[in-house]
């Protein structure tokens, strides 16, 4: 019996051969350039990417293991029967020991409903994952790769880009899927940075303050910083030398770093 999409899983199966070829081709280049020994695919579905990846991996003599995580039990059976290592279940519940391997790469046509949650789980492993090729709803991708001055830039943009370089790879129209979604998609390339853009934000205390600073800065994104930063935050703004008439989305990394470093000597109530 032919497999039919199950609505509660929000499935949109990739069917465009040209998109598959372009995405897998870019992935293979990164696997070789970064000498990745392991590859995880999240949500292989019917295997549009999976089948071509398995074929191309045969040419990489340094590669060790390709494994999958699939929430749909019916689809997972196919890969189990082919002898592919697979975790059946939601990736958000997948035990770390199954997927977190040294020199790891990750590829996925991410489900729209949980793409941010999955990304946050992945980006926290910046010291282990060497590259990620991930597909998102275009609106989410705009936020993830937005640069200073772009109104799509927000706390999520900065939180991710502080530790990862994010690059646009490919636009994917609705007709590339079955069934077609109502929105465009984009494929993004994530490369881990050896050091964060914000110096000191990778310590326990620094990470807490960096997250607090982002929440505060983007709490009212249409307002000037001097209207948002009150009380001790206004002191932070004054000490940083950042122009208080600016809005958070226009600040460059040097200005965010100045705000972060200006916290020394000021009292903040950290959660």
C-alpha atoms as a PDB file:
ATOM      1  CA  UNK A   1       0.000   0.000   0.000  1.00  0.00           C
ATOM      2  CA  UNK A   2       1.279   3.467  -0.884  1.00  0.00           C
ATOM      3  CA  UNK A   3       2.246   5.618   2.039  1.00  0.00           C
ATOM      4  CA  UNK A   4      -0.008   8.636   2.698  1.00  0.00           C
ATOM      5  CA  UNK A   5       0.953  11.743   4.626  1.00  0.00           C
ATOM      6  CA  UNK A   6      -0.219  11.765   8.226  1.00  0.00           C
ATOM      7  CA  UNK A   7      -1.589  15.227   9.056  1.00  0.00           C
ATOM      8  CA  UNK A   8      -0.648  15.260  12.741  1.00  0.00           C
ATOM      9  CA  UNK A   9       3.051  14.986  11.799  1.00  0.00           C
ATOM     10  CA  UNK A  10       2.932  17.998   9.463  1.00  0.00           C
ATOM     11  CA  UNK A  11       4.831  16.146   6.744  1.00  0.00           C
ATOM     12  CA  UNK A  12       5.911  17.756   3.469  1.00  0.00           C
ATOM     13  CA  UNK A  13       8.012  15.292   1.470  1.00  0.00           C
ATOM     14  CA  UNK A  14      10.769  16.729  -0.704  1.00  0.00           C
ATOM     15  CA  UNK A  15      10.366  15.578  -4.335  1.00  0.00           C
ATOM     16  CA  UNK A  16      12.371  18.030  -6.452  1.00  0.00           C
ATOM     17  CA  UNK A  17      15.361  16.137  -7.896  1.00  0.00           C
ATOM     18  CA  UNK A  18      17.298  19.334  -8.640  1.00  0.00           C
ATOM     19  CA  UNK A  19      16.881  20.611  -5.080  1.00  0.00           C
ATOM     20  CA  UNK A  20      17.976  17.222  -3.729  1.00  0.00           C
ATOM     21  CA  UNK A  21      21.050  17.173  -5.974  1.00  0.00           C
ATOM     22  CA  UNK A  22      22.068  20.719  -5.018  1.00  0.00           C
ATOM     23  CA  UNK A  23      21.566  20.162  -1.295  1.00  0.00           C
ATOM     24  CA  UNK A  24      23.360  16.803  -1.185  1.00  0.00           C
ATOM     25  CA  UNK A  25      26.159  18.135  -3.378  1.00  0.00           C
ATOM     26  CA  UNK A  26      26.777  21.008  -0.962  1.00  0.00           C
ATOM     27  CA  UNK A  27      26.646  18.588   1.970  1.00  0.00           C
ATOM     28  CA  UNK A  28      29.243  16.276   0.430  1.00  0.00           C
ATOM     29  CA  UNK A  29      31.627  19.185  -0.138  1.00  0.00           C
ATOM     30  CA  UNK A  30      31.349  20.160   3.518  1.00  0.00           C
ATOM     31  CA  UNK A  31      31.771  16.584   4.746  1.00  0.00           C
ATOM     32  CA  UNK A  32      35.038  16.343   2.847  1.00  0.00           C
ATOM     33  CA  UNK A  33      36.322  19.813   3.695  1.00  0.00           C
ATOM     34  CA  UNK A  34      35.678  19.277   7.397  1.00  0.00           C
ATOM     35  CA  UNK A  35      36.496  15.543   7.488  1.00  0.00           C
ATOM     36  CA  UNK A  36      33.239  14.578   9.201  1.00  0.00           C
ATOM     37  CA  UNK A  37      33.209  10.963  10.356  1.00  0.00           C
ATOM     38  CA  UNK A  38      29.519  10.795  11.268  1.00  0.00           C
ATOM     39  CA  UNK A  39      26.330  12.145   9.701  1.00  0.00           C
ATOM     40  CA  UNK A  40      22.909  12.457  11.300  1.00  0.00           C
ATOM     41  CA  UNK A  41      19.773  13.056   9.266  1.00  0.00           C
ATOM     42  CA  UNK A  42      16.739  14.220  11.218  1.00  0.00           C
ATOM     43  CA  UNK A  43      13.403  13.218   9.687  1.00  0.00           C
ATOM     44  CA  UNK A  44      14.419  11.350   6.519  1.00  0.00           C
ATOM     45  CA  UNK A  45      10.771  10.760   5.609  1.00  0.00           C
ATOM     46  CA  UNK A  46      10.509   8.889   2.309  1.00  0.00           C
ATOM     47  CA  UNK A  47      14.243   9.300   1.767  1.00  0.00           C
ATOM     48  CA  UNK A  48      14.632  11.825  -1.048  1.00  0.00           C
ATOM     49  CA  UNK A  49      17.854  13.032   0.572  1.00  0.00           C
ATOM     50  CA  UNK A  50      18.707   9.799   2.355  1.00  0.00           C
ATOM     51  CA  UNK A  51      19.003   7.568  -0.689  1.00  0.00           C
ATOM     52  CA  UNK A  52      21.343   9.898  -2.569  1.00  0.00           C
ATOM     53  CA  UNK A  53      23.407  10.584   0.553  1.00  0.00           C
ATOM     54  CA  UNK A  54      23.912   6.852   1.141  1.00  0.00           C
ATOM     55  CA  UNK A  55      25.141   6.441  -2.431  1.00  0.00           C
ATOM     56  CA  UNK A  56      27.531   9.403  -2.281  1.00  0.00           C
ATOM     57  CA  UNK A  57      28.999   8.396   1.074  1.00  0.00           C
ATOM     58  CA  UNK A  58      30.477   5.259  -0.492  1.00  0.00           C
ATOM     59  CA  UNK A  59      33.204   7.407  -2.037  1.00  0.00           C
ATOM     60  CA  UNK A  60      34.396   8.846   1.304  1.00  0.00           C
ATOM     61  CA  UNK A  61      36.990   6.469   2.707  1.00  0.00           C
ATOM     62  CA  UNK A  62      37.318   8.371   6.011  1.00  0.00           C
ATOM     63  CA  UNK A  63      33.582   8.305   6.751  1.00  0.00           C
ATOM     64  CA  UNK A  64      32.332   5.972   9.499  1.00  0.00           C
ATOM     65  CA  UNK A  65      28.560   6.031  10.041  1.00  0.00           C
ATOM     66  CA  UNK A  66      25.329   7.527   8.693  1.00  0.00           C
ATOM     67  CA  UNK A  67      22.365   7.323  11.045  1.00  0.00           C
ATOM     68  CA  UNK A  68      18.819   8.668  11.220  1.00  0.00           C
ATOM     69  CA  UNK A  69      16.155   9.918  13.576  1.00  0.00           C
ATOM     70  CA  UNK A  70      12.567   9.454  12.352  1.00  0.00           C
ATOM     71  CA  UNK A  71       9.381  10.161  14.276  1.00  0.00           C
ATOM     72  CA  UNK A  72       7.067   8.296  11.875  1.00  0.00           C
ATOM     73  CA  UNK A  73       7.170   4.615  12.818  1.00  0.00           C
ATOM     74  CA  UNK A  74       5.846   3.487   9.429  1.00  0.00           C
ATOM     75  CA  UNK A  75       8.623   5.258   7.545  1.00  0.00           C
ATOM     76  CA  UNK A  76      11.257   4.217  10.065  1.00  0.00           C
ATOM     77  CA  UNK A  77      10.612   0.550   9.316  1.00  0.00           C
ATOM     78  CA  UNK A  78      11.937   1.010   5.789  1.00  0.00           C
ATOM     79  CA  UNK A  79      15.306   2.196   7.043  1.00  0.00           C
ATOM     80  CA  UNK A  80      15.484  -0.441   9.749  1.00  0.00           C
ATOM     81  CA  UNK A  81      14.966  -3.120   7.103  1.00  0.00           C
ATOM     82  CA  UNK A  82      17.818  -1.640   5.070  1.00  0.00           C
ATOM     83  CA  UNK A  83      20.118  -1.893   8.080  1.00  0.00           C
ATOM     84  CA  UNK A  84      20.509   1.841   8.630  1.00  0.00           C
ATOM     85  CA  UNK A  85      21.019   2.883  12.249  1.00  0.00           C
ATOM     86  CA  UNK A  86      17.891   4.728  13.323  1.00  0.00           C
ATOM     87  CA  UNK A  87      16.239   6.164  16.403  1.00  0.00           C
ATOM     88  CA  UNK A  88      12.466   5.942  16.156  1.00  0.00           C
ATOM     89  CA  UNK A  89      10.931   8.941  17.863  1.00  0.00           C
ATOM     90  CA  UNK A  90      11.032  12.706  18.174  1.00  0.00           C
ATOM     91  CA  UNK A  91      14.560  14.102  17.918  1.00  0.00           C
ATOM     92  CA  UNK A  92      13.824  16.385  20.867  1.00  0.00           C
ATOM     93  CA  UNK A  93      13.532  13.228  22.990  1.00  0.00           C
ATOM     94  CA  UNK A  94      16.413  11.392  21.328  1.00  0.00           C
ATOM     95  CA  UNK A  95      19.127  10.383  23.841  1.00  0.00           C
ATOM     96  CA  UNK A  96      22.416  12.177  23.348  1.00  0.00           C
ATOM     97  CA  UNK A  97      24.464   8.979  23.217  1.00  0.00           C
ATOM     98  CA  UNK A  98      22.683   7.946  20.009  1.00  0.00           C
ATOM     99  CA  UNK A  99      23.427  11.003  17.903  1.00  0.00           C
ATOM    100  CA  UNK A 100      26.197  13.113  19.476  1.00  0.00           C
ATOM    101  CA  UNK A 101      29.343  11.691  17.882  1.00  0.00           C
ATOM    102  CA  UNK A 102      32.774  13.278  17.355  1.00  0.00           C
ATOM    103  CA  UNK A 103      33.299  15.055  14.020  1.00  0.00           C
ATOM    104  CA  UNK A 104      29.552  15.075  13.396  1.00  0.00           C
ATOM    105  CA  UNK A 105      27.575  16.626  10.533  1.00  0.00           C
ATOM    106  CA  UNK A 106      23.797  17.108  10.528  1.00  0.00           C
ATOM    107  CA  UNK A 107      21.350  17.373   7.626  1.00  0.00           C
ATOM    108  CA  UNK A 108      17.585  17.813   7.717  1.00  0.00           C
ATOM    109  CA  UNK A 109      14.457  19.034   6.026  1.00  0.00           C
ATOM    110  CA  UNK A 110      13.198  20.252   9.387  1.00  0.00           C
ATOM    111  CA  UNK A 111       9.514  20.099  10.343  1.00  0.00           C
ATOM    112  CA  UNK A 112       8.203  23.663  10.442  1.00  0.00           C
ATOM    113  CA  UNK A 113       6.479  23.249  13.808  1.00  0.00           C
ATOM    114  CA  UNK A 114       9.595  22.239  15.737  1.00  0.00           C
ATOM    115  CA  UNK A 115      12.454  23.674  13.673  1.00  0.00           C
ATOM    116  CA  UNK A 116      13.487  26.289  16.255  1.00  0.00           C
ATOM    117  CA  UNK A 117      13.409  23.821  19.143  1.00  0.00           C
ATOM    118  CA  UNK A 118      15.494  21.321  17.169  1.00  0.00           C
ATOM    119  CA  UNK A 119      17.955  24.011  16.094  1.00  0.00           C
ATOM    120  CA  UNK A 120      18.453  25.194  19.677  1.00  0.00           C
ATOM    121  CA  UNK A 121      19.272  21.626  20.726  1.00  0.00           C
ATOM    122  CA  UNK A 122      21.781  21.286  17.895  1.00  0.00           C
ATOM    123  CA  UNK A 123      23.557  24.643  18.214  1.00  0.00           C
ATOM    124  CA  UNK A 124      24.310  23.996  21.875  1.00  0.00           C
ATOM    125  CA  UNK A 125      26.777  21.316  20.675  1.00  0.00           C
ATOM    126  CA  UNK A 126      29.029  23.823  18.918  1.00  0.00           C
ATOM    127  CA  UNK A 127      32.178  22.035  20.090  1.00  0.00           C
ATOM    128  CA  UNK A 128      31.193  18.707  18.533  1.00  0.00           C
ATOM    129  CA  UNK A 129      29.198  19.392  15.373  1.00  0.00           C
ATOM    130  CA  UNK A 130      31.385  20.454  12.436  1.00  0.00           C
ATOM    131  CA  UNK A 131      28.691  21.456   9.930  1.00  0.00           C
ATOM    132  CA  UNK A 132      24.908  21.510   9.517  1.00  0.00           C
ATOM    133  CA  UNK A 133      22.811  21.755   6.346  1.00  0.00           C
ATOM    134  CA  UNK A 134      19.241  22.483   7.397  1.00  0.00           C
ATOM    135  CA  UNK A 135      16.024  23.478   5.641  1.00  0.00           C
ATOM    136  CA  UNK A 136      13.597  25.931   7.266  1.00  0.00           C
ATOM    137  CA  UNK A 137      10.442  27.816   6.467  1.00  0.00           C
ATOM    138  CA  UNK A 138      11.744  30.918   4.662  1.00  0.00           C
ATOM    139  CA  UNK A 139      10.431  33.309   7.300  1.00  0.00           C
ATOM    140  CA  UNK A 140      12.469  31.525   9.975  1.00  0.00           C
ATOM    141  CA  UNK A 141      15.540  31.383   7.731  1.00  0.00           C
ATOM    142  CA  UNK A 142      15.343  35.159   7.189  1.00  0.00           C
ATOM    143  CA  UNK A 143      15.620  35.642  10.956  1.00  0.00           C
ATOM    144  CA  UNK A 144      18.465  33.171  11.371  1.00  0.00           C
ATOM    145  CA  UNK A 145      20.689  34.764   8.729  1.00  0.00           C
ATOM    146  CA  UNK A 146      19.649  38.423   9.129  1.00  0.00           C
ATOM    147  CA  UNK A 147      22.542  40.896   9.399  1.00  0.00           C
ATOM    148  CA  UNK A 148      22.631  44.240  11.181  1.00  0.00           C
ATOM    149  CA  UNK A 149      20.194  46.739   9.737  1.00  0.00           C
ATOM    150  CA  UNK A 150      17.785  44.038   8.578  1.00  0.00           C
ATOM    151  CA  UNK A 151      14.436  44.226  10.388  1.00  0.00           C
ATOM    152  CA  UNK A 152      14.314  40.428  10.535  1.00  0.00           C
ATOM    153  CA  UNK A 153      17.280  40.579  12.922  1.00  0.00           C
ATOM    154  CA  UNK A 154      16.341  39.726  16.479  1.00  0.00           C
ATOM    155  CA  UNK A 155      17.511  37.936  19.581  1.00  0.00           C
ATOM    156  CA  UNK A 156      17.417  34.558  17.786  1.00  0.00           C
ATOM    157  CA  UNK A 157      19.669  35.899  14.994  1.00  0.00           C
ATOM    158  CA  UNK A 158      22.288  37.090  17.463  1.00  0.00           C
ATOM    159  CA  UNK A 159      22.084  34.073  19.754  1.00  0.00           C
ATOM    160  CA  UNK A 160      22.815  31.721  16.840  1.00  0.00           C
ATOM    161  CA  UNK A 161      25.320  33.882  14.950  1.00  0.00           C
ATOM    162  CA  UNK A 162      27.382  34.501  18.075  1.00  0.00           C
ATOM    163  CA  UNK A 163      28.647  30.911  17.875  1.00  0.00           C
ATOM    164  CA  UNK A 164      27.831  29.938  14.273  1.00  0.00           C
ATOM    165  CA  UNK A 165      28.397  31.384  10.814  1.00  0.00           C
ATOM    166  CA  UNK A 166      25.100  31.116   8.936  1.00  0.00           C
ATOM    167  CA  UNK A 167      25.054  31.079   5.122  1.00  0.00           C
ATOM    168  CA  UNK A 168      22.230  30.947   2.587  1.00  0.00           C
ATOM    169  CA  UNK A 169      22.454  27.935   0.282  1.00  0.00           C
ATOM    170  CA  UNK A 170      19.222  27.499  -1.610  1.00  0.00           C
ATOM    171  CA  UNK A 171      15.648  28.762  -1.970  1.00  0.00           C
ATOM    172  CA  UNK A 172      13.069  25.984  -2.214  1.00  0.00           C
ATOM    173  CA  UNK A 173       9.584  26.786  -3.623  1.00  0.00           C
ATOM    174  CA  UNK A 174       6.392  25.057  -2.431  1.00  0.00           C
ATOM    175  CA  UNK A 175       6.155  22.985  -5.625  1.00  0.00           C
ATOM    176  CA  UNK A 176       9.280  21.085  -4.528  1.00  0.00           C
ATOM    177  CA  UNK A 177       7.244  19.245  -1.885  1.00  0.00           C
ATOM    178  CA  UNK A 178       4.377  16.791  -1.749  1.00  0.00           C
ATOM    179  CA  UNK A 179       2.007  18.062  -0.535  1.00  0.00           C
ATOM    180  CA  UNK A 180       3.040  21.649  -1.273  1.00  0.00           C
ATOM    181  CA  UNK A 181       3.198  23.917   1.789  1.00  0.00           C
ATOM    182  CA  UNK A 182       1.826  27.463   1.638  1.00  0.00           C
ATOM    183  CA  UNK A 183       5.259  29.062   2.079  1.00  0.00           C
ATOM    184  CA  UNK A 184       8.741  29.072   0.583  1.00  0.00           C
ATOM    185  CA  UNK A 185      11.622  27.305   2.278  1.00  0.00           C
ATOM    186  CA  UNK A 186      15.362  27.949   2.468  1.00  0.00           C
ATOM    187  CA  UNK A 187      18.376  25.744   3.024  1.00  0.00           C
ATOM    188  CA  UNK A 188      21.016  27.221   5.337  1.00  0.00           C
ATOM    189  CA  UNK A 189      24.586  26.173   6.052  1.00  0.00           C
ATOM    190  CA  UNK A 190      25.810  26.412   9.656  1.00  0.00           C
ATOM    191  CA  UNK A 191      29.552  26.432  10.415  1.00  0.00           C
ATOM    192  CA  UNK A 192      30.705  26.538  14.061  1.00  0.00           C
ATOM    193  CA  UNK A 193      32.974  29.388  15.108  1.00  0.00           C
ATOM    194  CA  UNK A 194      36.117  28.586  17.082  1.00  0.00           C
ATOM    195  CA  UNK A 195      35.382  31.560  19.354  1.00  0.00           C
ATOM    196  CA  UNK A 196      32.171  33.483  20.030  1.00  0.00           C
ATOM    197  CA  UNK A 197      31.782  36.922  18.486  1.00  0.00           C
ATOM    198  CA  UNK A 198      30.992  38.285  21.956  1.00  0.00           C
ATOM    199  CA  UNK A 199      34.090  37.731  24.089  1.00  0.00           C
ATOM    200  CA  UNK A 200      33.253  35.988  27.361  1.00  0.00           C
ATOM    201  CA  UNK A 201      29.721  34.957  26.382  1.00  0.00           C
ATOM    202  CA  UNK A 202      30.734  31.287  26.418  1.00  0.00           C
ATOM    203  CA  UNK A 203      31.300  31.206  30.206  1.00  0.00           C
ATOM    204  CA  UNK A 204      28.446  30.228  32.529  1.00  0.00           C
ATOM    205  CA  UNK A 205      27.980  33.785  33.829  1.00  0.00           C
ATOM    206  CA  UNK A 206      28.578  35.305  30.431  1.00  0.00           C
ATOM    207  CA  UNK A 207      25.972  33.133  28.741  1.00  0.00           C
ATOM    208  CA  UNK A 208      23.346  34.107  31.308  1.00  0.00           C
ATOM    209  CA  UNK A 209      24.054  37.818  30.872  1.00  0.00           C
ATOM    210  CA  UNK A 210      24.222  37.572  27.068  1.00  0.00           C
ATOM    211  CA  UNK A 211      20.757  35.986  26.981  1.00  0.00           C
ATOM    212  CA  UNK A 212      19.469  38.651  29.385  1.00  0.00           C
ATOM    213  CA  UNK A 213      20.974  41.426  27.265  1.00  0.00           C
ATOM    214  CA  UNK A 214      19.327  40.078  24.119  1.00  0.00           C
ATOM    215  CA  UNK A 215      15.924  39.767  25.799  1.00  0.00           C
ATOM    216  CA  UNK A 216      16.196  43.317  27.085  1.00  0.00           C
ATOM    217  CA  UNK A 217      17.474  44.784  23.823  1.00  0.00           C
ATOM    218  CA  UNK A 218      14.732  43.219  21.707  1.00  0.00           C
ATOM    219  CA  UNK A 219      11.884  43.478  24.230  1.00  0.00           C
ATOM    220  CA  UNK A 220      10.550  46.500  22.305  1.00  0.00           C
ATOM    221  CA  UNK A 221      12.439  46.332  18.992  1.00  0.00           C
ATOM    222  CA  UNK A 222      10.804  49.412  17.468  1.00  0.00           C
ATOM    223  CA  UNK A 223      11.975  51.673  20.273  1.00  0.00           C
ATOM    224  CA  UNK A 224      15.331  53.419  20.588  1.00  0.00           C
ATOM    225  CA  UNK A 225      17.695  51.797  23.063  1.00  0.00           C
ATOM    226  CA  UNK A 226      17.555  54.747  25.459  1.00  0.00           C
ATOM    227  CA  UNK A 227      13.786  54.193  25.713  1.00  0.00           C
ATOM    228  CA  UNK A 228      14.288  50.494  26.409  1.00  0.00           C
ATOM    229  CA  UNK A 229      17.345  50.547  28.670  1.00  0.00           C
ATOM    230  CA  UNK A 230      16.230  52.050  31.981  1.00  0.00           C
ATOM    231  CA  UNK A 231      17.693  52.026  35.503  1.00  0.00           C
ATOM    232  CA  UNK A 232      21.013  50.116  35.601  1.00  0.00           C
ATOM    233  CA  UNK A 233      20.575  49.321  31.918  1.00  0.00           C
ATOM    234  CA  UNK A 234      20.849  53.004  31.115  1.00  0.00           C
ATOM    235  CA  UNK A 235      24.191  52.993  32.915  1.00  0.00           C
ATOM    236  CA  UNK A 236      25.241  50.074  30.740  1.00  0.00           C
ATOM    237  CA  UNK A 237      24.291  52.021  27.630  1.00  0.00           C
ATOM    238  CA  UNK A 238      26.219  55.115  28.778  1.00  0.00           C
ATOM    239  CA  UNK A 239      29.347  53.144  29.648  1.00  0.00           C
ATOM    240  CA  UNK A 240      29.326  51.226  26.370  1.00  0.00           C
ATOM    241  CA  UNK A 241      29.447  54.318  24.196  1.00  0.00           C
ATOM    242  CA  UNK A 242      26.707  52.901  21.971  1.00  0.00           C
ATOM    243  CA  UNK A 243      24.386  55.501  20.457  1.00  0.00           C
ATOM    244  CA  UNK A 244      21.148  55.362  22.464  1.00  0.00           C
ATOM    245  CA  UNK A 245      19.096  56.630  19.523  1.00  0.00           C
ATOM    246  CA  UNK A 246      19.713  53.370  17.683  1.00  0.00           C
ATOM    247  CA  UNK A 247      17.405  50.373  17.704  1.00  0.00           C
ATOM    248  CA  UNK A 248      18.644  46.908  18.589  1.00  0.00           C
ATOM    249  CA  UNK A 249      18.410  45.434  15.089  1.00  0.00           C
ATOM    250  CA  UNK A 250      20.842  47.986  13.594  1.00  0.00           C
ATOM    251  CA  UNK A 251      23.690  47.365  16.054  1.00  0.00           C
ATOM    252  CA  UNK A 252      26.788  45.645  14.669  1.00  0.00           C
ATOM    253  CA  UNK A 253      28.830  43.067  16.559  1.00  0.00           C
ATOM    254  CA  UNK A 254      31.296  45.649  17.888  1.00  0.00           C
ATOM    255  CA  UNK A 255      28.418  47.564  19.485  1.00  0.00           C
ATOM    256  CA  UNK A 256      26.887  44.446  21.021  1.00  0.00           C
ATOM    257  CA  UNK A 257      30.301  43.512  22.356  1.00  0.00           C
ATOM    258  CA  UNK A 258      30.685  46.991  23.864  1.00  0.00           C
ATOM    259  CA  UNK A 259      27.336  46.608  25.642  1.00  0.00           C
ATOM    260  CA  UNK A 260      28.273  43.175  26.921  1.00  0.00           C
ATOM    261  CA  UNK A 261      31.684  44.250  28.246  1.00  0.00           C
ATOM    262  CA  UNK A 262      30.235  47.375  29.899  1.00  0.00           C
ATOM    263  CA  UNK A 263      28.445  45.200  32.473  1.00  0.00           C
ATOM    264  CA  UNK A 264      31.564  45.098  34.699  1.00  0.00           C
ATOM    265  CA  UNK A 265      30.912  46.928  37.944  1.00  0.00           C
ATOM    266  CA  UNK A 266      27.167  47.236  37.422  1.00  0.00           C
ATOM    267  CA  UNK A 267      24.638  45.217  39.384  1.00  0.00           C
ATOM    268  CA  UNK A 268      22.189  43.080  37.466  1.00  0.00           C
ATOM    269  CA  UNK A 269      19.715  40.653  38.889  1.00  0.00           C
ATOM    270  CA  UNK A 270      20.573  37.515  36.952  1.00  0.00           C
ATOM    271  CA  UNK A 271      18.058  34.670  36.962  1.00  0.00           C
END
